Amino acid sequence: MKPRLPLSLRLPFSRAYATRLPERPPYRAPDPLVNNPNATYQELPESLTFIHRPPPTAPSPLSYTTAPASPLLKDASPPLAGAALPPTVGKEREEKPRMSDEDIAKMRDLRRADPVTWTRGKLAKEFNCTPWFVGKMISLKRPERRSALEEREKAHAAARAKWGERKTLQADIRKKRKEFW
């Protein structure tokens, strides 16, 4: 076994640790005015120095508004005569012919006589126009519109009566959520 030193002799030789971590000095960037070869220096009175540094790039004639560099800013060039165009996204609808006053009067008579049979869609097909045009030209009067809405609501209520418990609960939750909008 090794002989051990007394405690008083061991302490001075023990390792000491630093109380704080060393820090890097802050970065000091070189002065761009001093290191720029294009900068011009001019001594002014009262021990002042005027330093002129030109911009890093000269202005481009393409960046002006008369000749923009970006192709997005240029005027649209006319399409080439022989170039094929891509297909249209939606259906091309032909323009509906204008309706005469007699046709509008006939449409109005049919609608007023029996609004259940002569709906907007049927009248639009019959007279070759849009349902929007039929509604705009021949709208139902308020009591007729109200009764039509009540009939539709009765039909919808009959359909809702056939729903199951889960679908009814989900519809009620949606209705309650809509109240908080």
C-alpha atoms as a PDB file:
ATOM      1  CA  MET A   1       0.000   0.000   0.000  1.00  0.00           C
ATOM      2  CA  LYS A   2       1.185   3.478  -0.868  1.00  0.00           C
ATOM      3  CA  PRO A   3       1.951   5.859   1.892  1.00  0.00           C
ATOM      4  CA  ARG A   4      -0.500   8.778   1.920  1.00  0.00           C
ATOM      5  CA  LEU A   5       0.541  12.345   2.341  1.00  0.00           C
ATOM      6  CA  PRO A   6      -0.886  14.392   5.153  1.00  0.00           C
ATOM      7  CA  LEU A   7      -3.826  16.613   4.229  1.00  0.00           C
ATOM      8  CA  SER A   8      -1.880  19.839   4.728  1.00  0.00           C
ATOM      9  CA  LEU A   9       0.597  18.821   2.018  1.00  0.00           C
ATOM     10  CA  ARG A  10      -1.995  17.726  -0.491  1.00  0.00           C
ATOM     11  CA  LEU A  11      -4.093  20.926  -0.617  1.00  0.00           C
ATOM     12  CA  PRO A  12      -1.624  23.321  -2.232  1.00  0.00           C
ATOM     13  CA  PHE A  13      -1.165  20.911  -5.126  1.00  0.00           C
ATOM     14  CA  SER A  14      -4.856  20.365  -5.818  1.00  0.00           C
ATOM     15  CA  ARG A  15      -6.263  21.569  -9.103  1.00  0.00           C
ATOM     16  CA  ALA A  16      -8.067  24.921  -9.136  1.00  0.00           C
ATOM     17  CA  TYR A  17     -10.908  25.713 -11.563  1.00  0.00           C
ATOM     18  CA  ALA A  18     -11.696  29.026 -13.231  1.00  0.00           C
ATOM     19  CA  THR A  19     -14.563  30.945 -11.700  1.00  0.00           C
ATOM     20  CA  ARG A  20     -15.962  32.052 -15.089  1.00  0.00           C
ATOM     21  CA  LEU A  21     -15.696  30.891 -18.687  1.00  0.00           C
ATOM     22  CA  PRO A  22     -13.482  32.898 -21.033  1.00  0.00           C
ATOM     23  CA  GLU A  23     -15.384  35.132 -23.475  1.00  0.00           C
ATOM     24  CA  ARG A  24     -14.534  35.956 -27.042  1.00  0.00           C
ATOM     25  CA  PRO A  25     -13.963  39.619 -27.670  1.00  0.00           C
ATOM     26  CA  PRO A  26     -16.712  41.267 -29.743  1.00  0.00           C
ATOM     27  CA  TYR A  27     -16.259  41.184 -33.513  1.00  0.00           C
ATOM     28  CA  ARG A  28     -14.929  44.426 -34.939  1.00  0.00           C
ATOM     29  CA  ALA A  29     -15.605  44.612 -38.664  1.00  0.00           C
ATOM     30  CA  PRO A  30     -13.054  46.472 -40.755  1.00  0.00           C
ATOM     31  CA  ASP A  31     -14.111  49.964 -41.775  1.00  0.00           C
ATOM     32  CA  PRO A  32     -15.338  49.782 -45.394  1.00  0.00           C
ATOM     33  CA  LEU A  33     -14.385  53.410 -46.007  1.00  0.00           C
ATOM     34  CA  VAL A  34     -10.776  52.816 -45.073  1.00  0.00           C
ATOM     35  CA  ASN A  35     -10.421  49.568 -46.991  1.00  0.00           C
ATOM     36  CA  ASN A  36     -12.255  50.663 -50.173  1.00  0.00           C
ATOM     37  CA  PRO A  37      -9.818  51.303 -53.046  1.00  0.00           C
ATOM     38  CA  ASN A  38     -12.392  53.470 -54.907  1.00  0.00           C
ATOM     39  CA  ALA A  39     -12.997  55.839 -51.989  1.00  0.00           C
ATOM     40  CA  THR A  40     -11.695  59.402 -52.333  1.00  0.00           C
ATOM     41  CA  TYR A  41     -10.524  61.367 -49.305  1.00  0.00           C
ATOM     42  CA  GLN A  42     -10.668  65.139 -49.053  1.00  0.00           C
ATOM     43  CA  GLU A  43      -9.340  67.129 -46.134  1.00  0.00           C
ATOM     44  CA  LEU A  44     -11.655  69.849 -44.890  1.00  0.00           C
ATOM     45  CA  PRO A  45     -10.843  72.741 -42.557  1.00  0.00           C
ATOM     46  CA  GLU A  46     -11.022  72.209 -38.805  1.00  0.00           C
ATOM     47  CA  SER A  47      -9.423  68.758 -39.076  1.00  0.00           C
ATOM     48  CA  LEU A  48     -12.374  67.099 -40.814  1.00  0.00           C
ATOM     49  CA  THR A  49     -12.108  64.518 -43.581  1.00  0.00           C
ATOM     50  CA  PHE A  50     -14.729  64.036 -46.306  1.00  0.00           C
ATOM     51  CA  ILE A  51     -14.789  60.487 -47.700  1.00  0.00           C
ATOM     52  CA  HIS A  52     -16.733  59.787 -50.891  1.00  0.00           C
ATOM     53  CA  ARG A  53     -17.353  56.195 -51.832  1.00  0.00           C
ATOM     54  CA  PRO A  54     -19.139  55.506 -55.173  1.00  0.00           C
ATOM     55  CA  PRO A  55     -21.998  52.969 -55.216  1.00  0.00           C
ATOM     56  CA  PRO A  56     -20.929  49.359 -55.732  1.00  0.00           C
ATOM     57  CA  THR A  57     -22.680  49.136 -59.131  1.00  0.00           C
ATOM     58  CA  ALA A  58     -23.433  51.717 -61.742  1.00  0.00           C
ATOM     59  CA  PRO A  59     -27.114  52.288 -62.570  1.00  0.00           C
ATOM     60  CA  SER A  60     -28.318  50.067 -65.382  1.00  0.00           C
ATOM     61  CA  PRO A  61     -30.290  51.589 -68.275  1.00  0.00           C
ATOM     62  CA  LEU A  62     -32.467  48.443 -68.223  1.00  0.00           C
ATOM     63  CA  SER A  63     -33.788  49.217 -64.737  1.00  0.00           C
ATOM     64  CA  TYR A  64     -35.534  52.420 -65.745  1.00  0.00           C
ATOM     65  CA  THR A  65     -39.281  52.480 -66.261  1.00  0.00           C
ATOM     66  CA  THR A  66     -38.925  53.106 -69.997  1.00  0.00           C
ATOM     67  CA  ALA A  67     -37.033  49.830 -70.464  1.00  0.00           C
ATOM     68  CA  PRO A  68     -37.696  47.646 -67.405  1.00  0.00           C
ATOM     69  CA  ALA A  69     -35.409  44.712 -66.729  1.00  0.00           C
ATOM     70  CA  SER A  70     -38.204  42.475 -65.464  1.00  0.00           C
ATOM     71  CA  PRO A  71     -40.308  40.806 -68.168  1.00  0.00           C
ATOM     72  CA  LEU A  72     -43.320  41.186 -65.871  1.00  0.00           C
ATOM     73  CA  LEU A  73     -43.140  44.974 -66.213  1.00  0.00           C
ATOM     74  CA  LYS A  74     -42.845  44.960 -69.999  1.00  0.00           C
ATOM     75  CA  ASP A  75     -45.879  45.458 -72.224  1.00  0.00           C
ATOM     76  CA  ALA A  76     -47.534  42.252 -73.345  1.00  0.00           C
ATOM     77  CA  SER A  77     -46.491  41.297 -76.829  1.00  0.00           C
ATOM     78  CA  PRO A  78     -49.278  40.483 -79.297  1.00  0.00           C
ATOM     79  CA  PRO A  79     -49.798  36.744 -79.813  1.00  0.00           C
ATOM     80  CA  LEU A  80     -48.302  35.238 -82.924  1.00  0.00           C
ATOM     81  CA  ALA A  81     -50.743  34.636 -85.765  1.00  0.00           C
ATOM     82  CA  GLY A  82     -49.803  30.990 -86.306  1.00  0.00           C
ATOM     83  CA  ALA A  83     -49.441  30.024 -82.649  1.00  0.00           C
ATOM     84  CA  ALA A  84     -52.073  27.643 -81.269  1.00  0.00           C
ATOM     85  CA  LEU A  85     -53.863  28.749 -78.109  1.00  0.00           C
ATOM     86  CA  PRO A  86     -54.537  26.359 -75.225  1.00  0.00           C
ATOM     87  CA  PRO A  87     -58.092  25.029 -74.857  1.00  0.00           C
ATOM     88  CA  THR A  88     -60.590  27.028 -72.846  1.00  0.00           C
ATOM     89  CA  VAL A  89     -61.237  25.982 -69.271  1.00  0.00           C
ATOM     90  CA  GLY A  90     -65.020  26.237 -69.146  1.00  0.00           C
ATOM     91  CA  LYS A  91     -67.738  25.395 -71.610  1.00  0.00           C
ATOM     92  CA  GLU A  92     -68.334  27.920 -74.324  1.00  0.00           C
ATOM     93  CA  ARG A  93     -71.949  28.959 -74.087  1.00  0.00           C
ATOM     94  CA  GLU A  94     -73.673  30.455 -77.051  1.00  0.00           C
ATOM     95  CA  GLU A  95     -75.489  33.670 -76.473  1.00  0.00           C
ATOM     96  CA  LYS A  96     -79.213  33.273 -75.998  1.00  0.00           C
ATOM     97  CA  PRO A  97     -81.356  35.221 -78.465  1.00  0.00           C
ATOM     98  CA  ARG A  98     -83.208  38.262 -77.195  1.00  0.00           C
ATOM     99  CA  MET A  99     -86.795  37.612 -76.203  1.00  0.00           C
ATOM    100  CA  SER A 100     -89.652  39.586 -77.628  1.00  0.00           C
ATOM    101  CA  ASP A 101     -92.249  41.320 -75.473  1.00  0.00           C
ATOM    102  CA  GLU A 102     -94.873  38.780 -76.594  1.00  0.00           C
ATOM    103  CA  ASP A 103     -92.734  35.880 -75.374  1.00  0.00           C
ATOM    104  CA  ILE A 104     -92.174  37.571 -72.012  1.00  0.00           C
ATOM    105  CA  ALA A 105     -95.938  38.190 -71.670  1.00  0.00           C
ATOM    106  CA  LYS A 106     -96.667  34.541 -72.543  1.00  0.00           C
ATOM    107  CA  MET A 107     -94.050  33.379 -70.009  1.00  0.00           C
ATOM    108  CA  ARG A 108     -95.610  35.636 -67.359  1.00  0.00           C
ATOM    109  CA  ASP A 109     -99.105  34.224 -68.052  1.00  0.00           C
ATOM    110  CA  LEU A 110     -97.874  30.615 -67.773  1.00  0.00           C
ATOM    111  CA  ARG A 111     -96.038  31.291 -64.531  1.00  0.00           C
ATOM    112  CA  ARG A 112     -98.943  33.103 -62.912  1.00  0.00           C
ATOM    113  CA  ALA A 113    -101.463  30.476 -64.015  1.00  0.00           C
ATOM    114  CA  ASP A 114     -99.596  27.509 -62.496  1.00  0.00           C
ATOM    115  CA  PRO A 115     -96.291  28.278 -60.693  1.00  0.00           C
ATOM    116  CA  VAL A 116     -95.951  24.671 -59.499  1.00  0.00           C
ATOM    117  CA  THR A 117     -95.943  23.238 -63.033  1.00  0.00           C
ATOM    118  CA  TRP A 118     -94.166  26.133 -64.741  1.00  0.00           C
ATOM    119  CA  THR A 119     -91.022  26.480 -62.650  1.00  0.00           C
ATOM    120  CA  ARG A 120     -88.082  28.660 -63.555  1.00  0.00           C
ATOM    121  CA  GLY A 121     -86.191  25.753 -65.066  1.00  0.00           C
ATOM    122  CA  LYS A 122     -89.113  24.558 -67.236  1.00  0.00           C
ATOM    123  CA  LEU A 123     -89.824  28.069 -68.500  1.00  0.00           C
ATOM    124  CA  ALA A 124     -86.116  28.581 -69.252  1.00  0.00           C
ATOM    125  CA  LYS A 125     -86.052  25.408 -71.369  1.00  0.00           C
ATOM    126  CA  GLU A 126     -89.339  26.279 -73.062  1.00  0.00           C
ATOM    127  CA  PHE A 127     -88.291  29.801 -74.062  1.00  0.00           C
ATOM    128  CA  ASN A 128     -84.521  29.140 -74.523  1.00  0.00           C
ATOM    129  CA  CYS A 129     -83.285  31.491 -71.799  1.00  0.00           C
ATOM    130  CA  THR A 130     -81.630  31.172 -68.395  1.00  0.00           C
ATOM    131  CA  PRO A 131     -83.506  30.463 -65.125  1.00  0.00           C
ATOM    132  CA  TRP A 132     -81.985  33.676 -63.745  1.00  0.00           C
ATOM    133  CA  PHE A 133     -83.650  35.655 -66.549  1.00  0.00           C
ATOM    134  CA  VAL A 134     -87.008  33.999 -65.812  1.00  0.00           C
ATOM    135  CA  GLY A 135     -86.705  34.888 -62.125  1.00  0.00           C
ATOM    136  CA  LYS A 136     -85.718  38.448 -62.966  1.00  0.00           C
ATOM    137  CA  MET A 137     -88.533  39.037 -65.445  1.00  0.00           C
ATOM    138  CA  ILE A 138     -91.323  37.053 -63.775  1.00  0.00           C
ATOM    139  CA  SER A 139     -90.821  36.857 -60.046  1.00  0.00           C
ATOM    140  CA  LEU A 140     -93.628  35.452 -57.923  1.00  0.00           C
ATOM    141  CA  LYS A 141     -95.615  37.787 -55.725  1.00  0.00           C
ATOM    142  CA  ARG A 142     -94.914  37.612 -52.010  1.00  0.00           C
ATOM    143  CA  PRO A 143     -97.886  35.486 -50.923  1.00  0.00           C
ATOM    144  CA  GLU A 144     -97.246  33.020 -53.772  1.00  0.00           C
ATOM    145  CA  ARG A 145     -93.536  32.891 -52.971  1.00  0.00           C
ATOM    146  CA  ARG A 146     -94.287  32.351 -49.279  1.00  0.00           C
ATOM    147  CA  SER A 147     -96.686  29.487 -50.012  1.00  0.00           C
ATOM    148  CA  ALA A 148     -94.161  27.902 -52.390  1.00  0.00           C
ATOM    149  CA  LEU A 149     -91.479  28.104 -49.695  1.00  0.00           C
ATOM    150  CA  GLU A 150     -93.847  26.589 -47.130  1.00  0.00           C
ATOM    151  CA  GLU A 151     -94.608  23.668 -49.462  1.00  0.00           C
ATOM    152  CA  ARG A 152     -90.923  23.115 -50.056  1.00  0.00           C
ATOM    153  CA  GLU A 153     -90.262  23.222 -46.313  1.00  0.00           C
ATOM    154  CA  LYS A 154     -93.007  20.623 -45.741  1.00  0.00           C
ATOM    155  CA  ALA A 155     -91.377  18.328 -48.306  1.00  0.00           C
ATOM    156  CA  HIS A 156     -87.992  18.805 -46.645  1.00  0.00           C
ATOM    157  CA  ALA A 157     -89.476  18.144 -43.191  1.00  0.00           C
ATOM    158  CA  ALA A 158     -90.979  14.903 -44.476  1.00  0.00           C
ATOM    159  CA  ALA A 159     -87.563  13.867 -45.784  1.00  0.00           C
ATOM    160  CA  ARG A 160     -85.920  14.849 -42.471  1.00  0.00           C
ATOM    161  CA  ALA A 161     -88.435  12.713 -40.581  1.00  0.00           C
ATOM    162  CA  LYS A 162     -86.871   9.663 -42.232  1.00  0.00           C
ATOM    163  CA  TRP A 163     -83.408  10.523 -40.914  1.00  0.00           C
ATOM    164  CA  GLY A 164     -81.799   8.409 -38.237  1.00  0.00           C
ATOM    165  CA  GLU A 165     -80.858   9.542 -34.756  1.00  0.00           C
ATOM    166  CA  ARG A 166     -77.217  10.284 -35.570  1.00  0.00           C
ATOM    167  CA  LYS A 167     -77.968  12.403 -38.661  1.00  0.00           C
ATOM    168  CA  THR A 168     -80.640  14.354 -36.786  1.00  0.00           C
ATOM    169  CA  LEU A 169     -78.247  15.016 -33.900  1.00  0.00           C
ATOM    170  CA  GLN A 170     -75.521  16.244 -36.275  1.00  0.00           C
ATOM    171  CA  ALA A 171     -77.974  18.577 -38.065  1.00  0.00           C
ATOM    172  CA  ASP A 172     -79.134  19.992 -34.697  1.00  0.00           C
ATOM    173  CA  ILE A 173     -75.532  20.571 -33.631  1.00  0.00           C
ATOM    174  CA  ARG A 174     -74.812  22.405 -36.894  1.00  0.00           C
ATOM    175  CA  LYS A 175     -77.945  24.534 -36.422  1.00  0.00           C
ATOM    176  CA  LYS A 176     -76.929  25.398 -32.838  1.00  0.00           C
ATOM    177  CA  ARG A 177     -73.385  26.260 -33.947  1.00  0.00           C
ATOM    178  CA  LYS A 178     -74.778  28.527 -36.666  1.00  0.00           C
ATOM    179  CA  GLU A 179     -76.719  30.487 -34.033  1.00  0.00           C
ATOM    180  CA  PHE A 180     -73.401  31.577 -32.464  1.00  0.00           C
ATOM    181  CA  TRP A 181     -72.086  33.104 -35.702  1.00  0.00           C
END
